[in-house]
Amino acid sequence: MIETSAALGVAAAELGLVLTPGPNMMYLVSRTVSQGRRAGLVSLAGVAVGFGVYLVAATAGITAVFGMVPTLYLALKVAGACYLLYLAWKTLRPGGVSPFSPTELPADPARRLFTMGLVTNLLNPKVAILYMALIPQFIVPAHGRVWLQSLCLGSIQIGVALTVNGLIVLSAGAVASFLAGRPLWLRLQRWVTGSVLGAMAALVLSDRTRPLPA
């Protein structure tokens, strides 16, 4: 089975990632602020399924395929980095808005909310790198079934991610109300978020880590 240090390592890594502004956070917050908590929770369900897809892929050893065919892994990283750059541009451009801004968005049905949450997570380079390069480093073949260790560590990651994202959805409305009367804070939050997204895109593109076999 997995070691306590491995479980804590994955939990700490995921906590750091989920608290960093990224595609999942931006989508969940903007949808919650514009359409309410129920919409945010439905979107979060889609994000959860996206995590499940990555977990199944890692457990099945699909990450080894990326190790054998680096071009596929590179393509995924570039696509994810471009998505981060797009989000950074949307946030930083003249007239850009913070995800906490109460903008008027069409009220999407639950099916679309779920699908967008799923797609957003599947295109999230932070999640891809986590499953393909980070979690496998905590797996010790001598401790038993590799697939079971991968499943346990991935479940820990999902638990941390959904807990934090759930709290973000539940508190997004209150944060938006706080920032609404403080335009300077809202502008600062927008610039911080956009800058972090741009920096993350640069890190993803410059990262030379290769996926490890699960």
Protein backbone atom coordinates (compact mmCIF):
# COMPACT_ATOMS: atom_id res chain seq x y z
CA MET A 1 0.00 0.00 0.00
CA ILE A 2 0.95 3.66 -0.16
CA GLU A 3 3.13 5.32 2.45
CA THR A 4 1.84 8.10 4.67
CA SER A 5 4.49 10.43 3.26
CA ALA A 6 3.24 9.71 -0.28
CA ALA A 7 -0.37 10.47 0.68
CA LEU A 8 0.65 13.70 2.39
CA GLY A 9 2.87 14.66 -0.54
CA VAL A 10 0.07 14.26 -3.07
CA ALA A 11 -2.39 16.10 -0.80
CA ALA A 12 0.02 19.00 -0.31
CA ALA A 13 0.80 19.23 -4.02
CA GLU A 14 -2.88 19.25 -4.93
CA LEU A 15 -3.68 21.85 -2.27
CA GLY A 16 -1.08 24.16 -3.74
CA LEU A 17 -2.38 23.60 -7.27
CA VAL A 18 -6.08 23.97 -6.49
CA LEU A 19 -5.49 27.25 -4.61
CA THR A 20 -3.62 28.69 -7.60
CA PRO A 21 -5.92 30.48 -10.09
CA GLY A 22 -6.50 28.26 -13.08
CA PRO A 23 -9.15 27.17 -15.59
CA ASN A 24 -11.22 25.21 -13.07
CA MET A 25 -11.32 28.00 -10.50
CA MET A 26 -12.14 30.66 -13.09
CA TYR A 27 -14.96 28.65 -14.63
CA LEU A 28 -16.51 27.62 -11.32
CA VAL A 29 -16.35 31.11 -9.85
CA SER A 30 -17.67 32.91 -12.92
CA ARG A 31 -20.53 30.46 -13.34
CA THR A 32 -21.44 30.58 -9.65
CA VAL A 33 -21.41 34.39 -9.56
CA SER A 34 -23.49 34.71 -12.73
CA GLN A 35 -25.95 31.85 -12.24
CA GLY A 36 -25.87 30.86 -8.58
CA ARG A 37 -24.50 28.11 -6.36
CA ARG A 38 -26.54 25.35 -7.96
CA ALA A 39 -24.96 26.10 -11.34
CA GLY A 40 -21.55 26.14 -9.69
CA LEU A 41 -22.13 22.75 -8.07
CA VAL A 42 -23.38 21.21 -11.33
CA SER A 43 -20.26 22.55 -13.02
CA LEU A 44 -18.18 21.07 -10.20
CA ALA A 45 -19.75 17.68 -10.91
CA GLY A 46 -18.39 17.91 -14.45
CA VAL A 47 -14.96 18.82 -13.07
CA ALA A 48 -15.16 15.77 -10.79
CA VAL A 49 -15.81 13.48 -13.75
CA GLY A 50 -12.81 15.03 -15.50
CA PHE A 51 -10.66 14.06 -12.52
CA GLY A 52 -12.12 10.56 -12.77
CA VAL A 53 -11.11 10.31 -16.42
CA TYR A 54 -7.52 11.20 -15.56
CA LEU A 55 -7.54 8.77 -12.64
CA VAL A 56 -8.79 5.88 -14.79
CA ALA A 57 -6.21 6.70 -17.46
CA ALA A 58 -3.39 6.80 -14.92
CA THR A 59 -4.52 3.60 -13.22
CA ALA A 60 -4.74 1.82 -16.57
CA GLY A 61 -1.20 2.87 -17.36
CA ILE A 62 -2.16 5.19 -20.19
CA THR A 63 0.47 7.65 -18.99
CA ALA A 64 3.09 5.12 -20.10
CA VAL A 65 1.84 5.65 -23.64
CA PHE A 66 2.72 9.33 -23.37
CA GLY A 67 6.14 8.30 -22.13
CA MET A 68 6.67 6.14 -25.20
CA VAL A 69 5.17 8.73 -27.56
CA PRO A 70 6.48 12.09 -26.28
CA THR A 71 4.80 13.96 -29.13
CA LEU A 72 1.37 13.21 -27.66
CA TYR A 73 2.42 14.52 -24.27
CA LEU A 74 3.95 17.63 -25.87
CA ALA A 75 0.76 18.29 -27.81
CA LEU A 76 -1.31 18.06 -24.63
CA LYS A 77 1.03 20.44 -22.79
CA VAL A 78 1.00 22.98 -25.62
CA ALA A 79 -2.80 22.86 -25.87
CA GLY A 80 -3.12 23.36 -22.13
CA ALA A 81 -0.60 26.21 -22.09
CA CYS A 82 -2.42 27.94 -24.95
CA TYR A 83 -5.66 27.63 -22.99
CA LEU A 84 -3.99 29.27 -19.97
CA LEU A 85 -2.65 32.07 -22.17
CA TYR A 86 -6.14 32.61 -23.60
CA LEU A 87 -7.60 32.90 -20.09
CA ALA A 88 -4.78 35.28 -19.08
CA TRP A 89 -5.46 37.45 -22.14
CA LYS A 90 -9.19 37.54 -21.41
CA THR A 91 -8.45 38.67 -17.86
CA LEU A 92 -5.72 41.23 -18.57
CA ARG A 93 -6.94 42.77 -21.83
CA PRO A 94 -8.50 46.26 -21.76
CA GLY A 95 -12.06 45.78 -20.63
CA GLY A 96 -11.27 42.35 -19.17
CA VAL A 97 -13.17 41.31 -16.10
CA SER A 98 -12.42 39.37 -12.95
CA PRO A 99 -14.17 36.00 -12.52
CA PHE A 100 -15.74 37.59 -9.43
CA SER A 101 -17.36 40.35 -11.48
CA PRO A 102 -21.16 40.01 -11.61
CA THR A 103 -21.42 39.77 -15.40
CA GLU A 104 -24.56 38.89 -17.29
CA LEU A 105 -24.19 35.41 -18.78
CA PRO A 106 -26.91 33.33 -20.38
CA ALA A 107 -28.41 30.81 -17.97
CA ASP A 108 -27.08 27.55 -19.35
CA PRO A 109 -28.95 24.29 -18.70
CA ALA A 110 -27.49 21.73 -16.32
CA ARG A 111 -26.23 19.50 -19.14
CA ARG A 112 -24.15 22.31 -20.65
CA LEU A 113 -22.84 23.38 -17.24
CA PHE A 114 -21.74 19.80 -16.55
CA THR A 115 -20.14 19.42 -19.99
CA MET A 116 -18.23 22.69 -19.74
CA GLY A 117 -16.93 21.72 -16.31
CA LEU A 118 -15.76 18.39 -17.73
CA VAL A 119 -14.08 19.92 -20.79
CA THR A 120 -12.45 22.69 -18.76
CA ASN A 121 -10.89 20.12 -16.45
CA LEU A 122 -9.75 17.83 -19.24
CA LEU A 123 -7.93 20.78 -20.86
CA ASN A 124 -6.38 21.87 -17.56
CA PRO A 125 -2.60 21.41 -17.92
CA LYS A 126 -2.16 21.46 -14.13
CA VAL A 127 -4.22 18.28 -13.81
CA ALA A 128 -2.54 16.59 -16.77
CA ILE A 129 0.95 17.20 -15.37
CA LEU A 130 -0.15 16.10 -11.90
CA TYR A 131 -1.34 12.70 -13.12
CA MET A 132 1.31 12.11 -15.75
CA ALA A 133 4.45 13.26 -13.97
CA LEU A 134 3.89 13.98 -10.27
CA ILE A 135 1.71 11.23 -8.80
CA PRO A 136 3.75 8.39 -10.39
CA GLN A 137 6.79 9.64 -8.45
CA PHE A 138 5.05 8.67 -5.19
CA ILE A 139 4.40 5.10 -6.35
CA VAL A 140 6.77 2.40 -5.06
CA PRO A 141 6.48 -0.86 -7.07
CA ALA A 142 7.95 -2.84 -4.17
CA HIS A 143 4.94 -1.92 -2.01
CA GLY A 144 2.44 -3.89 -4.05
CA ARG A 145 0.09 -3.40 -6.95
CA VAL A 146 1.02 -0.28 -8.89
CA TRP A 147 -2.53 0.24 -10.16
CA LEU A 148 -3.90 0.17 -6.60
CA GLN A 149 -1.34 2.71 -5.40
CA SER A 150 -2.22 4.94 -8.36
CA LEU A 151 -5.92 4.60 -7.54
CA CYS A 152 -5.40 5.49 -3.87
CA LEU A 153 -3.17 8.49 -4.55
CA GLY A 154 -5.50 9.75 -7.28
CA SER A 155 -8.46 9.42 -4.92
CA ILE A 156 -6.64 11.57 -2.36
CA GLN A 157 -6.00 14.20 -5.01
CA ILE A 158 -9.65 14.19 -6.07
CA GLY A 159 -10.83 14.45 -2.48
CA VAL A 160 -8.68 17.52 -1.81
CA ALA A 161 -9.61 19.13 -5.13
CA LEU A 162 -13.36 18.67 -4.74
CA THR A 163 -13.33 19.85 -1.11
CA VAL A 164 -11.48 23.07 -1.91
CA ASN A 165 -13.39 23.73 -5.13
CA GLY A 166 -16.66 23.06 -3.32
CA LEU A 167 -15.75 25.67 -0.69
CA ILE A 168 -14.82 28.08 -3.49
CA VAL A 169 -18.24 27.62 -5.11
CA LEU A 170 -20.05 28.11 -1.79
CA SER A 171 -18.11 31.28 -0.96
CA ALA A 172 -17.87 32.82 -4.45
CA GLY A 173 -21.03 34.88 -4.02
CA ALA A 174 -19.84 36.38 -0.72
CA VAL A 175 -16.41 37.20 -2.20
CA ALA A 176 -18.05 38.80 -5.24
CA SER A 177 -20.24 40.96 -2.98
CA PHE A 178 -17.18 42.03 -0.98
CA LEU A 179 -15.25 42.99 -4.10
CA ALA A 180 -18.21 44.68 -5.81
CA GLY A 181 -17.94 47.76 -3.61
CA ARG A 182 -14.15 47.85 -3.84
CA PRO A 183 -13.18 48.45 -7.51
CA LEU A 184 -9.47 48.76 -6.67
CA TRP A 185 -9.45 45.33 -5.02
CA LEU A 186 -11.36 43.90 -7.95
CA ARG A 187 -8.86 45.35 -10.42
CA LEU A 188 -5.96 44.03 -8.33
CA GLN A 189 -7.52 40.57 -8.20
CA ARG A 190 -7.96 40.61 -11.96
CA TRP A 191 -4.32 41.52 -12.57
CA VAL A 192 -3.03 38.95 -10.06
CA THR A 193 -5.15 36.22 -11.63
CA GLY A 194 -4.11 37.12 -15.18
CA SER A 195 -0.44 37.32 -14.23
CA VAL A 196 -0.53 33.95 -12.47
CA LEU A 197 -2.21 32.34 -15.46
CA GLY A 198 0.39 33.76 -17.82
CA ALA A 199 3.23 32.61 -15.56
CA MET A 200 1.73 29.13 -15.35
CA ALA A 201 1.51 28.93 -19.12
CA ALA A 202 5.20 29.85 -19.39
CA LEU A 203 6.11 27.21 -16.78
CA VAL A 204 4.10 24.54 -18.58
CA LEU A 205 5.80 25.32 -21.89
CA SER A 206 9.28 25.39 -20.35
CA ASP A 207 8.81 22.28 -18.20
CA ARG A 208 10.88 19.37 -19.49
CA THR A 209 9.37 16.75 -17.19
CA ARG A 210 8.31 13.59 -18.99
CA PRO A 211 5.43 11.38 -17.91
CA LEU A 212 6.43 8.44 -15.76
CA PRO A 213 4.83 5.01 -16.02
CA ALA A 214 2.08 4.57 -13.44
